Amino acid sequence: MWLTIGHPLPRARDAYAEPIKWSWILGAQGHGPQWQRVFGLAEQDAERLWSAIAAAAVGSPVVRVRAGPWGLGCDIRPVLELNQRTAAILVAWHYSEPDAAPRLVTAYPTP
């Protein structure tokens, strides 16, 4: 399989996030309370968070792979430092096909 646990995220430098994701990831109805508690982030911090996630994706090993009818999903668990705080996060990605760039599905701090 081209997506392998323990190997770096394929095409990580080409990773992208759809703008609509940030209202969930940093919003009150999504993972916003976790981002606020752990890193002091709010919805207006989406660009800073994306920059940190995109940088961490390069070289981060895949820790989980999921096959589905619309492609493959995978997770990485990098450690971020934002606002002078450091914590591990989970980032889920989707690949629609083997040569596709990874699309951000969700991200949140982990215990």
PDB file of N, CA and C in Angstrom:
ATOM      1  N   MET A   1       0.853  -1.181   0.000  1.00  0.00           N
ATOM      2  CA  MET A   1       0.000   0.000   0.000  1.00  0.00           C
ATOM      3  C   MET A   1       0.898   1.243   0.000  1.00  0.00           C
ATOM      4  N   TRP A   2       0.515   2.263  -0.697  1.00  0.00           N
ATOM      5  CA  TRP A   2       1.319   3.482  -0.825  1.00  0.00           C
ATOM      6  C   TRP A   2       1.229   4.373   0.414  1.00  0.00           C
ATOM      7  N   LEU A   3       0.229   4.186   1.233  1.00  0.00           N
ATOM      8  CA  LEU A   3       0.081   4.949   2.474  1.00  0.00           C
ATOM      9  C   LEU A   3       0.409   3.984   3.601  1.00  0.00           C
ATOM     10  N   THR A   4       1.543   4.200   4.259  1.00  0.00           N
ATOM     11  CA  THR A   4       2.066   3.206   5.189  1.00  0.00           C
ATOM     12  C   THR A   4       2.309   3.793   6.572  1.00  0.00           C
ATOM     13  N   ILE A   5       1.836   3.089   7.582  1.00  0.00           N
ATOM     14  CA  ILE A   5       2.065   3.489   8.970  1.00  0.00           C
ATOM     15  C   ILE A   5       3.570   3.552   9.219  1.00  0.00           C
ATOM     16  N   GLY A   6       3.997   4.619   9.875  1.00  0.00           N
ATOM     17  CA  GLY A   6       5.401   4.807  10.197  1.00  0.00           C
ATOM     18  C   GLY A   6       6.173   5.589   9.151  1.00  0.00           C
ATOM     19  N   HIS A   7       5.592   5.762   7.975  1.00  0.00           N
ATOM     20  CA  HIS A   7       6.240   6.521   6.909  1.00  0.00           C
ATOM     21  C   HIS A   7       5.672   7.942   6.879  1.00  0.00           C
ATOM     22  N   PRO A   8       6.419   8.879   6.308  1.00  0.00           N
ATOM     23  CA  PRO A   8       5.917  10.261   6.234  1.00  0.00           C
ATOM     24  C   PRO A   8       4.635  10.369   5.411  1.00  0.00           C
ATOM     25  N   LEU A   9       3.879  11.374   5.701  1.00  0.00           N
ATOM     26  CA  LEU A   9       2.639  11.674   4.976  1.00  0.00           C
ATOM     27  C   LEU A   9       2.981  11.979   3.517  1.00  0.00           C
ATOM     28  N   PRO A  10       2.495  11.183   2.558  1.00  0.00           N
ATOM     29  CA  PRO A  10       2.808  11.446   1.156  1.00  0.00           C
ATOM     30  C   PRO A  10       2.304  12.822   0.708  1.00  0.00           C
ATOM     31  N   ARG A  11       3.120  13.516  -0.054  1.00  0.00           N
ATOM     32  CA  ARG A  11       2.809  14.833  -0.616  1.00  0.00           C
ATOM     33  C   ARG A  11       2.426  15.852   0.456  1.00  0.00           C
ATOM     34  N   ALA A  12       3.012  15.746   1.617  1.00  0.00           N
ATOM     35  CA  ALA A  12       2.682  16.644   2.729  1.00  0.00           C
ATOM     36  C   ALA A  12       2.870  18.113   2.355  1.00  0.00           C
ATOM     37  N   ARG A  13       3.859  18.420   1.535  1.00  0.00           N
ATOM     38  CA  ARG A  13       4.098  19.815   1.144  1.00  0.00           C
ATOM     39  C   ARG A  13       2.963  20.392   0.304  1.00  0.00           C
ATOM     40  N   ASP A  14       2.124  19.518  -0.256  1.00  0.00           N
ATOM     41  CA  ASP A  14       0.993  19.954  -1.078  1.00  0.00           C
ATOM     42  C   ASP A  14      -0.329  19.901  -0.305  1.00  0.00           C
ATOM     43  N   ALA A  15      -0.271  19.626   0.974  1.00  0.00           N
ATOM     44  CA  ALA A  15      -1.486  19.510   1.787  1.00  0.00           C
ATOM     45  C   ALA A  15      -2.308  20.793   1.701  1.00  0.00           C
ATOM     46  N   TYR A  16      -3.613  20.618   1.795  1.00  0.00           N
ATOM     47  CA  TYR A  16      -4.496  21.782   1.754  1.00  0.00           C
ATOM     48  C   TYR A  16      -5.676  21.590   2.698  1.00  0.00           C
ATOM     49  N   ALA A  17      -6.307  22.707   3.023  1.00  0.00           N
ATOM     50  CA  ALA A  17      -7.483  22.697   3.892  1.00  0.00           C
ATOM     51  C   ALA A  17      -8.555  23.559   3.248  1.00  0.00           C
ATOM     52  N   GLU A  18      -9.751  23.056   3.184  1.00  0.00           N
ATOM     53  CA  GLU A  18     -10.865  23.842   2.664  1.00  0.00           C
ATOM     54  C   GLU A  18     -11.258  24.868   3.717  1.00  0.00           C
ATOM     55  N   PRO A  19     -11.500  26.109   3.304  1.00  0.00           N
ATOM     56  CA  PRO A  19     -11.815  27.178   4.273  1.00  0.00           C
ATOM     57  C   PRO A  19     -12.973  26.845   5.222  1.00  0.00           C
ATOM     58  N   ILE A  20     -13.952  26.109   4.759  1.00  0.00           N
ATOM     59  CA  ILE A  20     -15.107  25.785   5.602  1.00  0.00           C
ATOM     60  C   ILE A  20     -14.718  24.931   6.809  1.00  0.00           C
ATOM     61  N   LYS A  21     -13.619  24.217   6.727  1.00  0.00           N
ATOM     62  CA  LYS A  21     -13.176  23.362   7.839  1.00  0.00           C
ATOM     63  C   LYS A  21     -12.893  24.158   9.107  1.00  0.00           C
ATOM     64  N   TRP A  22     -12.395  25.384   8.961  1.00  0.00           N
ATOM     65  CA  TRP A  22     -11.958  26.145  10.137  1.00  0.00           C
ATOM     66  C   TRP A  22     -13.103  26.540  11.055  1.00  0.00           C
ATOM     67  N   SER A  23     -14.310  26.727  10.498  1.00  0.00           N
ATOM     68  CA  SER A  23     -15.435  27.058  11.375  1.00  0.00           C
ATOM     69  C   SER A  23     -15.778  25.872  12.281  1.00  0.00           C
ATOM     70  N   TRP A  24     -15.485  24.657  11.836  1.00  0.00           N
ATOM     71  CA  TRP A  24     -15.703  23.479  12.683  1.00  0.00           C
ATOM     72  C   TRP A  24     -14.506  23.244  13.605  1.00  0.00           C
ATOM     73  N   ILE A  25     -13.313  23.273  13.030  1.00  0.00           N
ATOM     74  CA  ILE A  25     -12.121  22.961  13.811  1.00  0.00           C
ATOM     75  C   ILE A  25     -11.930  23.945  14.963  1.00  0.00           C
ATOM     76  N   LEU A  26     -12.175  25.233  14.716  1.00  0.00           N
ATOM     77  CA  LEU A  26     -11.975  26.247  15.757  1.00  0.00           C
ATOM     78  C   LEU A  26     -13.278  26.800  16.330  1.00  0.00           C
ATOM     79  N   GLY A  27     -14.406  26.303  15.842  1.00  0.00           N
ATOM     80  CA  GLY A  27     -15.703  26.812  16.290  1.00  0.00           C
ATOM     81  C   GLY A  27     -16.208  26.164  17.558  1.00  0.00           C
ATOM     82  N   ALA A  28     -17.171  26.817  18.177  1.00  0.00           N
ATOM     83  CA  ALA A  28     -17.741  26.348  19.446  1.00  0.00           C
ATOM     84  C   ALA A  28     -18.436  24.996  19.301  1.00  0.00           C
ATOM     85  N   GLN A  29     -19.005  24.707  18.130  1.00  0.00           N
ATOM     86  CA  GLN A  29     -19.704  23.441  17.923  1.00  0.00           C
ATOM     87  C   GLN A  29     -18.756  22.298  17.568  1.00  0.00           C
ATOM     88  N   GLY A  30     -17.526  22.621  17.237  1.00  0.00           N
ATOM     89  CA  GLY A  30     -16.539  21.607  16.866  1.00  0.00           C
ATOM     90  C   GLY A  30     -15.485  21.435  17.933  1.00  0.00           C
ATOM     91  N   HIS A  31     -14.225  21.576  17.528  1.00  0.00           N
ATOM     92  CA  HIS A  31     -13.099  21.376  18.445  1.00  0.00           C
ATOM     93  C   HIS A  31     -12.596  22.678  19.053  1.00  0.00           C
ATOM     94  N   GLY A  32     -13.287  23.764  18.802  1.00  0.00           N
ATOM     95  CA  GLY A  32     -12.871  25.069  19.307  1.00  0.00           C
ATOM     96  C   GLY A  32     -12.577  25.111  20.798  1.00  0.00           C
ATOM     97  N   PRO A  33     -13.440  24.538  21.634  1.00  0.00           N
ATOM     98  CA  PRO A  33     -13.152  24.569  23.070  1.00  0.00           C
ATOM     99  C   PRO A  33     -11.822  23.898  23.430  1.00  0.00           C
ATOM    100  N   GLN A  34     -11.467  22.830  22.723  1.00  0.00           N
ATOM    101  CA  GLN A  34     -10.188  22.157  22.984  1.00  0.00           C
ATOM    102  C   GLN A  34      -9.017  23.048  22.577  1.00  0.00           C
ATOM    103  N   TRP A  35      -9.117  23.674  21.384  1.00  0.00           N
ATOM    104  CA  TRP A  35      -8.046  24.560  20.929  1.00  0.00           C
ATOM    105  C   TRP A  35      -7.899  25.757  21.865  1.00  0.00           C
ATOM    106  N   GLN A  36      -9.009  26.269  22.354  1.00  0.00           N
ATOM    107  CA  GLN A  36      -8.977  27.404  23.275  1.00  0.00           C
ATOM    108  C   GLN A  36      -8.314  27.010  24.590  1.00  0.00           C
ATOM    109  N   ARG A  37      -8.711  25.870  25.137  1.00  0.00           N
ATOM    110  CA  ARG A  37      -8.181  25.422  26.429  1.00  0.00           C
ATOM    111  C   ARG A  37      -6.689  25.103  26.349  1.00  0.00           C
ATOM    112  N   VAL A  38      -6.269  24.400  25.306  1.00  0.00           N
ATOM    113  CA  VAL A  38      -4.888  23.931  25.229  1.00  0.00           C
ATOM    114  C   VAL A  38      -3.929  25.006  24.715  1.00  0.00           C
ATOM    115  N   PHE A  39      -4.329  25.735  23.665  1.00  0.00           N
ATOM    116  CA  PHE A  39      -3.419  26.689  23.040  1.00  0.00           C
ATOM    117  C   PHE A  39      -3.886  28.144  23.107  1.00  0.00           C
ATOM    118  N   GLY A  40      -5.085  28.391  23.633  1.00  0.00           N
ATOM    119  CA  GLY A  40      -5.600  29.759  23.665  1.00  0.00           C
ATOM    120  C   GLY A  40      -5.977  30.277  22.288  1.00  0.00           C
ATOM    121  N   LEU A  41      -6.395  29.382  21.381  1.00  0.00           N
ATOM    122  CA  LEU A  41      -6.731  29.776  20.017  1.00  0.00           C
ATOM    123  C   LEU A  41      -8.227  29.975  19.843  1.00  0.00           C
ATOM    124  N   ALA A  42      -8.581  30.865  18.916  1.00  0.00           N
ATOM    125  CA  ALA A  42      -9.975  31.133  18.570  1.00  0.00           C
ATOM    126  C   ALA A  42     -10.096  31.124  17.044  1.00  0.00           C
ATOM    127  N   GLU A  43     -11.304  31.318  16.530  1.00  0.00           N
ATOM    128  CA  GLU A  43     -11.545  31.238  15.087  1.00  0.00           C
ATOM    129  C   GLU A  43     -10.658  32.177  14.282  1.00  0.00           C
ATOM    130  N   GLN A  44     -10.328  33.335  14.808  1.00  0.00           N
ATOM    131  CA  GLN A  44      -9.482  34.272  14.065  1.00  0.00           C
ATOM    132  C   GLN A  44      -8.037  33.795  13.944  1.00  0.00           C
ATOM    133  N   ASP A  45      -7.680  32.692  14.614  1.00  0.00           N
ATOM    134  CA  ASP A  45      -6.328  32.147  14.565  1.00  0.00           C
ATOM    135  C   ASP A  45      -6.166  31.037  13.526  1.00  0.00           C
ATOM    136  N   ALA A  46      -7.131  30.894  12.632  1.00  0.00           N
ATOM    137  CA  ALA A  46      -7.119  29.795  11.662  1.00  0.00           C
ATOM    138  C   ALA A  46      -5.856  29.795  10.809  1.00  0.00           C
ATOM    139  N   GLU A  47      -5.428  30.935  10.338  1.00  0.00           N
ATOM    140  CA  GLU A  47      -4.244  30.979   9.477  1.00  0.00           C
ATOM    141  C   GLU A  47      -2.986  30.538  10.226  1.00  0.00           C
ATOM    142  N   ARG A  48      -2.834  30.999  11.455  1.00  0.00           N
ATOM    143  CA  ARG A  48      -1.682  30.586  12.275  1.00  0.00           C
ATOM    144  C   ARG A  48      -1.712  29.086  12.543  1.00  0.00           C
ATOM    145  N   LEU A  49      -2.890  28.572  12.855  1.00  0.00           N
ATOM    146  CA  LEU A  49      -3.004  27.144  13.132  1.00  0.00           C
ATOM    147  C   LEU A  49      -2.695  26.342  11.873  1.00  0.00           C
ATOM    148  N   TRP A  50      -3.239  26.759  10.727  1.00  0.00           N
ATOM    149  CA  TRP A  50      -2.964  26.043   9.487  1.00  0.00           C
ATOM    150  C   TRP A  50      -1.466  26.038   9.193  1.00  0.00           C
ATOM    151  N   SER A  51      -0.800  27.151   9.373  1.00  0.00           N
ATOM    152  CA  SER A  51       0.641  27.207   9.126  1.00  0.00           C
ATOM    153  C   SER A  51       1.387  26.194   9.996  1.00  0.00           C
ATOM    154  N   ALA A  52       0.991  26.096  11.248  1.00  0.00           N
ATOM    155  CA  ALA A  52       1.642  25.155  12.171  1.00  0.00           C
ATOM    156  C   ALA A  52       1.344  23.708  11.781  1.00  0.00           C
ATOM    157  N   ILE A  53       0.098  23.428  11.422  1.00  0.00           N
ATOM    158  CA  ILE A  53      -0.275  22.064  11.026  1.00  0.00           C
ATOM    159  C   ILE A  53       0.434  21.677   9.730  1.00  0.00           C
ATOM    160  N   ALA A  54       0.434  22.566   8.749  1.00  0.00           N
ATOM    161  CA  ALA A  54       1.074  22.270   7.463  1.00  0.00           C
ATOM    162  C   ALA A  54       2.572  22.021   7.638  1.00  0.00           C
ATOM    163  N   ALA A  55       3.224  22.816   8.478  1.00  0.00           N
ATOM    164  CA  ALA A  55       4.661  22.617   8.730  1.00  0.00           C
ATOM    165  C   ALA A  55       4.902  21.296   9.444  1.00  0.00           C
ATOM    166  N   ALA A  56       4.051  20.963  10.407  1.00  0.00           N
ATOM    167  CA  ALA A  56       4.215  19.717  11.164  1.00  0.00           C
ATOM    168  C   ALA A  56       3.942  18.485  10.305  1.00  0.00           C
ATOM    169  N   ALA A  57       3.103  18.635   9.290  1.00  0.00           N
ATOM    170  CA  ALA A  57       2.757  17.498   8.430  1.00  0.00           C
ATOM    171  C   ALA A  57       3.971  16.986   7.655  1.00  0.00           C
ATOM    172  N   VAL A  58       4.878  17.899   7.323  1.00  0.00           N
ATOM    173  CA  VAL A  58       6.072  17.514   6.563  1.00  0.00           C
ATOM    174  C   VAL A  58       6.988  16.701   7.488  1.00  0.00           C
ATOM    175  N   GLY A  59       7.132  15.462   7.187  1.00  0.00           N
ATOM    176  CA  GLY A  59       7.997  14.597   7.979  1.00  0.00           C
ATOM    177  C   GLY A  59       7.295  13.841   9.095  1.00  0.00           C
ATOM    178  N   SER A  60       6.049  14.201   9.418  1.00  0.00           N
ATOM    179  CA  SER A  60       5.336  13.465  10.468  1.00  0.00           C
ATOM    180  C   SER A  60       4.937  12.086   9.959  1.00  0.00           C
ATOM    181  N   PRO A  61       5.177  11.053  10.744  1.00  0.00           N
ATOM    182  CA  PRO A  61       4.803   9.710  10.291  1.00  0.00           C
ATOM    183  C   PRO A  61       3.301   9.469  10.413  1.00  0.00           C
ATOM    184  N   VAL A  62       2.797   8.679   9.519  1.00  0.00           N
ATOM    185  CA  VAL A  62       1.403   8.239   9.561  1.00  0.00           C
ATOM    186  C   VAL A  62       1.262   7.252  10.716  1.00  0.00           C
ATOM    187  N   VAL A  63       0.228   7.434  11.548  1.00  0.00           N
ATOM    188  CA  VAL A  63       0.020   6.535  12.689  1.00  0.00           C
ATOM    189  C   VAL A  63      -1.203   5.642  12.523  1.00  0.00           C
ATOM    190  N   ARG A  64      -2.058   5.980  11.558  1.00  0.00           N
ATOM    191  CA  ARG A  64      -3.258   5.170  11.327  1.00  0.00           C
ATOM    192  C   ARG A  64      -3.713   5.374   9.898  1.00  0.00           C
ATOM    193  N   VAL A  65      -4.225   4.305   9.275  1.00  0.00           N
ATOM    194  CA  VAL A  65      -4.752   4.367   7.912  1.00  0.00           C
ATOM    195  C   VAL A  65      -6.141   3.744   7.911  1.00  0.00           C
ATOM    196  N   ARG A  66      -7.065   4.393   7.207  1.00  0.00           N
ATOM    197  CA  ARG A  66      -8.436   3.888   7.073  1.00  0.00           C
ATOM    198  C   ARG A  66      -8.827   3.887   5.593  1.00  0.00           C
ATOM    199  N   ALA A  67      -9.344   2.771   5.116  1.00  0.00           N
ATOM    200  CA  ALA A  67      -9.832   2.689   3.738  1.00  0.00           C
ATOM    201  C   ALA A  67     -11.338   2.915   3.744  1.00  0.00           C
ATOM    202  N   GLY A  68     -11.811   3.656   2.754  1.00  0.00           N
ATOM    203  CA  GLY A  68     -13.238   3.913   2.629  1.00  0.00           C
ATOM    204  C   GLY A  68     -13.625   3.959   1.166  1.00  0.00           C
ATOM    205  N   PRO A  69     -14.906   4.097   0.891  1.00  0.00           N
ATOM    206  CA  PRO A  69     -15.369   4.089  -0.496  1.00  0.00           C
ATOM    207  C   PRO A  69     -14.899   5.305  -1.307  1.00  0.00           C
ATOM    208  N   TRP A  70     -14.478   6.372  -0.635  1.00  0.00           N
ATOM    209  CA  TRP A  70     -14.063   7.584  -1.338  1.00  0.00           C
ATOM    210  C   TRP A  70     -12.566   7.831  -1.255  1.00  0.00           C
ATOM    211  N   GLY A  71     -11.799   6.822  -0.880  1.00  0.00           N
ATOM    212  CA  GLY A  71     -10.354   6.981  -0.803  1.00  0.00           C
ATOM    213  C   GLY A  71      -9.809   6.492   0.522  1.00  0.00           C
ATOM    214  N   LEU A  72      -8.622   6.981   0.870  1.00  0.00           N
ATOM    215  CA  LEU A  72      -7.977   6.592   2.116  1.00  0.00           C
ATOM    216  C   LEU A  72      -7.908   7.765   3.077  1.00  0.00           C
ATOM    217  N   GLY A  73      -8.065   7.451   4.343  1.00  0.00           N
ATOM    218  CA  GLY A  73      -7.869   8.434   5.395  1.00  0.00           C
ATOM    219  C   GLY A  73      -6.673   8.015   6.219  1.00  0.00           C
ATOM    220  N   CYS A  74      -6.030   8.983   6.832  1.00  0.00           N
ATOM    221  CA  CYS A  74      -4.909   8.652   7.704  1.00  0.00           C
ATOM    222  C   CYS A  74      -4.771   9.725   8.775  1.00  0.00           C
ATOM    223  N   ASP A  75      -4.047   9.386   9.817  1.00  0.00           N
ATOM    224  CA  ASP A  75      -3.810  10.304  10.926  1.00  0.00           C
ATOM    225  C   ASP A  75      -2.315  10.472  11.141  1.00  0.00           C
ATOM    226  N   ILE A  76      -1.963  11.667  11.594  1.00  0.00           N
ATOM    227  CA  ILE A  76      -0.630  11.933  12.122  1.00  0.00           C
ATOM    228  C   ILE A  76      -0.823  12.531  13.513  1.00  0.00           C
ATOM    229  N   ARG A  77       0.205  12.465  14.343  1.00  0.00           N
ATOM    230  CA  ARG A  77       0.119  12.999  15.711  1.00  0.00           C
ATOM    231  C   ARG A  77       1.347  13.846  16.028  1.00  0.00           C
ATOM    232  N   PRO A  78       1.445  15.002  15.385  1.00  0.00           N
ATOM    233  CA  PRO A  78       2.593  15.868  15.666  1.00  0.00           C
ATOM    234  C   PRO A  78       2.425  16.618  16.988  1.00  0.00           C
ATOM    235  N   VAL A  79       3.506  17.211  17.429  1.00  0.00           N
ATOM    236  CA  VAL A  79       3.490  18.089  18.597  1.00  0.00           C
ATOM    237  C   VAL A  79       3.617  19.512  18.077  1.00  0.00           C
ATOM    238  N   LEU A  80       2.693  20.390  18.509  1.00  0.00           N
ATOM    239  CA  LEU A  80       2.722  21.788  18.093  1.00  0.00           C
ATOM    240  C   LEU A  80       3.136  22.676  19.251  1.00  0.00           C
ATOM    241  N   GLU A  81       3.748  23.796  18.914  1.00  0.00           N
ATOM    242  CA  GLU A  81       4.025  24.843  19.896  1.00  0.00           C
ATOM    243  C   GLU A  81       3.384  26.120  19.376  1.00  0.00           C
ATOM    244  N   LEU A  82       2.391  26.598  20.104  1.00  0.00           N
ATOM    245  CA  LEU A  82       1.678  27.827  19.757  1.00  0.00           C
ATOM    246  C   LEU A  82       1.415  28.607  21.040  1.00  0.00           C
ATOM    247  N   ASN A  83       1.559  29.908  20.978  1.00  0.00           N
ATOM    248  CA  ASN A  83       1.303  30.764  22.140  1.00  0.00           C
ATOM    249  C   ASN A  83       2.092  30.312  23.370  1.00  0.00           C
ATOM    250  N   GLN A  84       3.313  29.900  23.143  1.00  0.00           N
ATOM    251  CA  GLN A  84       4.209  29.453  24.210  1.00  0.00           C
ATOM    252  C   GLN A  84       3.658  28.247  24.974  1.00  0.00           C
ATOM    253  N   ARG A  85       2.835  27.460  24.286  1.00  0.00           N
ATOM    254  CA  ARG A  85       2.310  26.220  24.848  1.00  0.00           C
ATOM    255  C   ARG A  85       2.646  25.092  23.875  1.00  0.00           C
ATOM    256  N   THR A  86       2.875  23.903  24.389  1.00  0.00           N
ATOM    257  CA  THR A  86       3.232  22.751  23.574  1.00  0.00           C
ATOM    258  C   THR A  86       2.297  21.596  23.906  1.00  0.00           C
ATOM    259  N   ALA A  87       1.795  20.938  22.868  1.00  0.00           N
ATOM    260  CA  ALA A  87       0.914  19.787  23.078  1.00  0.00           C
ATOM    261  C   ALA A  87       0.856  18.937  21.813  1.00  0.00           C
ATOM    262  N   ALA A  88       0.541  17.666  21.997  1.00  0.00           N
ATOM    263  CA  ALA A  88       0.322  16.756  20.875  1.00  0.00           C
ATOM    264  C   ALA A  88      -1.068  17.010  20.305  1.00  0.00           C
ATOM    265  N   ILE A  89      -1.182  16.847  19.005  1.00  0.00           N
ATOM    266  CA  ILE A  89      -2.482  16.976  18.351  1.00  0.00           C
ATOM    267  C   ILE A  89      -2.695  15.770  17.445  1.00  0.00           C
ATOM    268  N   LEU A  90      -3.932  15.531  17.067  1.00  0.00           N
ATOM    269  CA  LEU A  90      -4.260  14.534  16.060  1.00  0.00           C
ATOM    270  C   LEU A  90      -4.719  15.304  14.833  1.00  0.00           C
ATOM    271  N   VAL A  91      -4.189  14.926  13.678  1.00  0.00           N
ATOM    272  CA  VAL A  91      -4.597  15.539  12.416  1.00  0.00           C
ATOM    273  C   VAL A  91      -5.022  14.419  11.480  1.00  0.00           C
ATOM    274  N   ALA A  92      -6.249  14.496  10.984  1.00  0.00           N
ATOM    275  CA  ALA A  92      -6.772  13.499  10.051  1.00  0.00           C
ATOM    276  C   ALA A  92      -6.745  14.077   8.636  1.00  0.00           C
ATOM    277  N   TRP A  93      -6.314  13.257   7.696  1.00  0.00           N
ATOM    278  CA  TRP A  93      -6.187  13.648   6.287  1.00  0.00           C
ATOM    279  C   TRP A  93      -6.973  12.685   5.407  1.00  0.00           C
ATOM    280  N   HIS A  94      -7.340  13.156   4.218  1.00  0.00           N
ATOM    281  CA  HIS A  94      -8.024  12.325   3.235  1.00  0.00           C
ATOM    282  C   HIS A  94      -7.293  12.393   1.905  1.00  0.00           C
ATOM    283  N   TYR A  95      -7.151  11.232   1.272  1.00  0.00           N
ATOM    284  CA  TYR A  95      -6.606  11.121  -0.082  1.00  0.00           C
ATOM    285  C   TYR A  95      -7.697  10.526  -0.959  1.00  0.00           C
ATOM    286  N   SER A  96      -8.124  11.249  -1.968  1.00  0.00           N
ATOM    287  CA  SER A  96      -9.160  10.736  -2.865  1.00  0.00           C
ATOM    288  C   SER A  96      -8.615   9.666  -3.803  1.00  0.00           C
ATOM    289  N   GLU A  97      -7.304   9.736  -4.092  1.00  0.00           N
ATOM    290  CA  GLU A  97      -6.629   8.741  -4.931  1.00  0.00           C
ATOM    291  C   GLU A  97      -5.144   8.774  -4.593  1.00  0.00           C
ATOM    292  N   PRO A  98      -4.387   7.772  -5.003  1.00  0.00           N
ATOM    293  CA  PRO A  98      -2.977   7.691  -4.600  1.00  0.00           C
ATOM    294  C   PRO A  98      -2.114   8.904  -4.937  1.00  0.00           C
ATOM    295  N   ASP A  99      -2.357   9.581  -6.039  1.00  0.00           N
ATOM    296  CA  ASP A  99      -1.508  10.722  -6.391  1.00  0.00           C
ATOM    297  C   ASP A  99      -2.075  12.063  -5.947  1.00  0.00           C
ATOM    298  N   ALA A 100      -3.160  12.047  -5.188  1.00  0.00           N
ATOM    299  CA  ALA A 100      -3.784  13.283  -4.710  1.00  0.00           C
ATOM    300  C   ALA A 100      -2.981  13.904  -3.567  1.00  0.00           C
ATOM    301  N   ALA A 101      -3.145  15.199  -3.397  1.00  0.00           N
ATOM    302  CA  ALA A 101      -2.584  15.885  -2.231  1.00  0.00           C
ATOM    303  C   ALA A 101      -3.476  15.596  -1.025  1.00  0.00           C
ATOM    304  N   PRO A 102      -2.909  15.567   0.172  1.00  0.00           N
ATOM    305  CA  PRO A 102      -3.732  15.315   1.353  1.00  0.00           C
ATOM    306  C   PRO A 102      -4.627  16.517   1.677  1.00  0.00           C
ATOM    307  N   ARG A 103      -5.899  16.217   1.934  1.00  0.00           N
ATOM    308  CA  ARG A 103      -6.880  17.240   2.317  1.00  0.00           C
ATOM    309  C   ARG A 103      -7.151  17.098   3.805  1.00  0.00           C
ATOM    310  N   LEU A 104      -7.089  18.205   4.524  1.00  0.00           N
ATOM    311  CA  LEU A 104      -7.358  18.195   5.961  1.00  0.00           C
ATOM    312  C   LEU A 104      -8.802  17.808   6.222  1.00  0.00           C
ATOM    313  N   VAL A 105      -8.993  16.854   7.115  1.00  0.00           N
ATOM    314  CA  VAL A 105     -10.336  16.439   7.534  1.00  0.00           C
ATOM    315  C   VAL A 105     -10.674  17.107   8.855  1.00  0.00           C
ATOM    316  N   THR A 106      -9.806  16.951   9.842  1.00  0.00           N
ATOM    317  CA  THR A 106      -9.998  17.595  11.135  1.00  0.00           C
ATOM    318  C   THR A 106      -8.675  17.581  11.902  1.00  0.00           C
ATOM    319  N   ALA A 107      -8.647  18.343  12.957  1.00  0.00           N
ATOM    320  CA  ALA A 107      -7.461  18.400  13.825  1.00  0.00           C
ATOM    321  C   ALA A 107      -7.906  18.860  15.206  1.00  0.00           C
ATOM    322  N   TYR A 108      -7.290  18.275  16.233  1.00  0.00           N
ATOM    323  CA  TYR A 108      -7.622  18.675  17.595  1.00  0.00           C
ATOM    324  C   TYR A 108      -6.510  18.229  18.547  1.00  0.00           C
ATOM    325  N   PRO A 109      -6.365  18.941  19.661  1.00  0.00           N
ATOM    326  CA  PRO A 109      -5.393  18.536  20.683  1.00  0.00           C
ATOM    327  C   PRO A 109      -5.804  17.197  21.295  1.00  0.00           C
ATOM    328  N   THR A 110      -4.810  16.396  21.647  1.00  0.00           N
ATOM    329  CA  THR A 110      -5.087  15.101  22.252  1.00  0.00           C
ATOM    330  C   THR A 110      -4.565  15.078  23.687  1.00  0.00           C
ATOM    331  N   PRO A 111      -5.200  14.270  24.523  1.00  0.00           N
ATOM    332  CA  PRO A 111      -4.732  14.197  25.908  1.00  0.00           C
ATOM    333  C   PRO A 111      -3.386  13.509  26.039  1.00  0.00           C
TER     334      PRO A 111
END
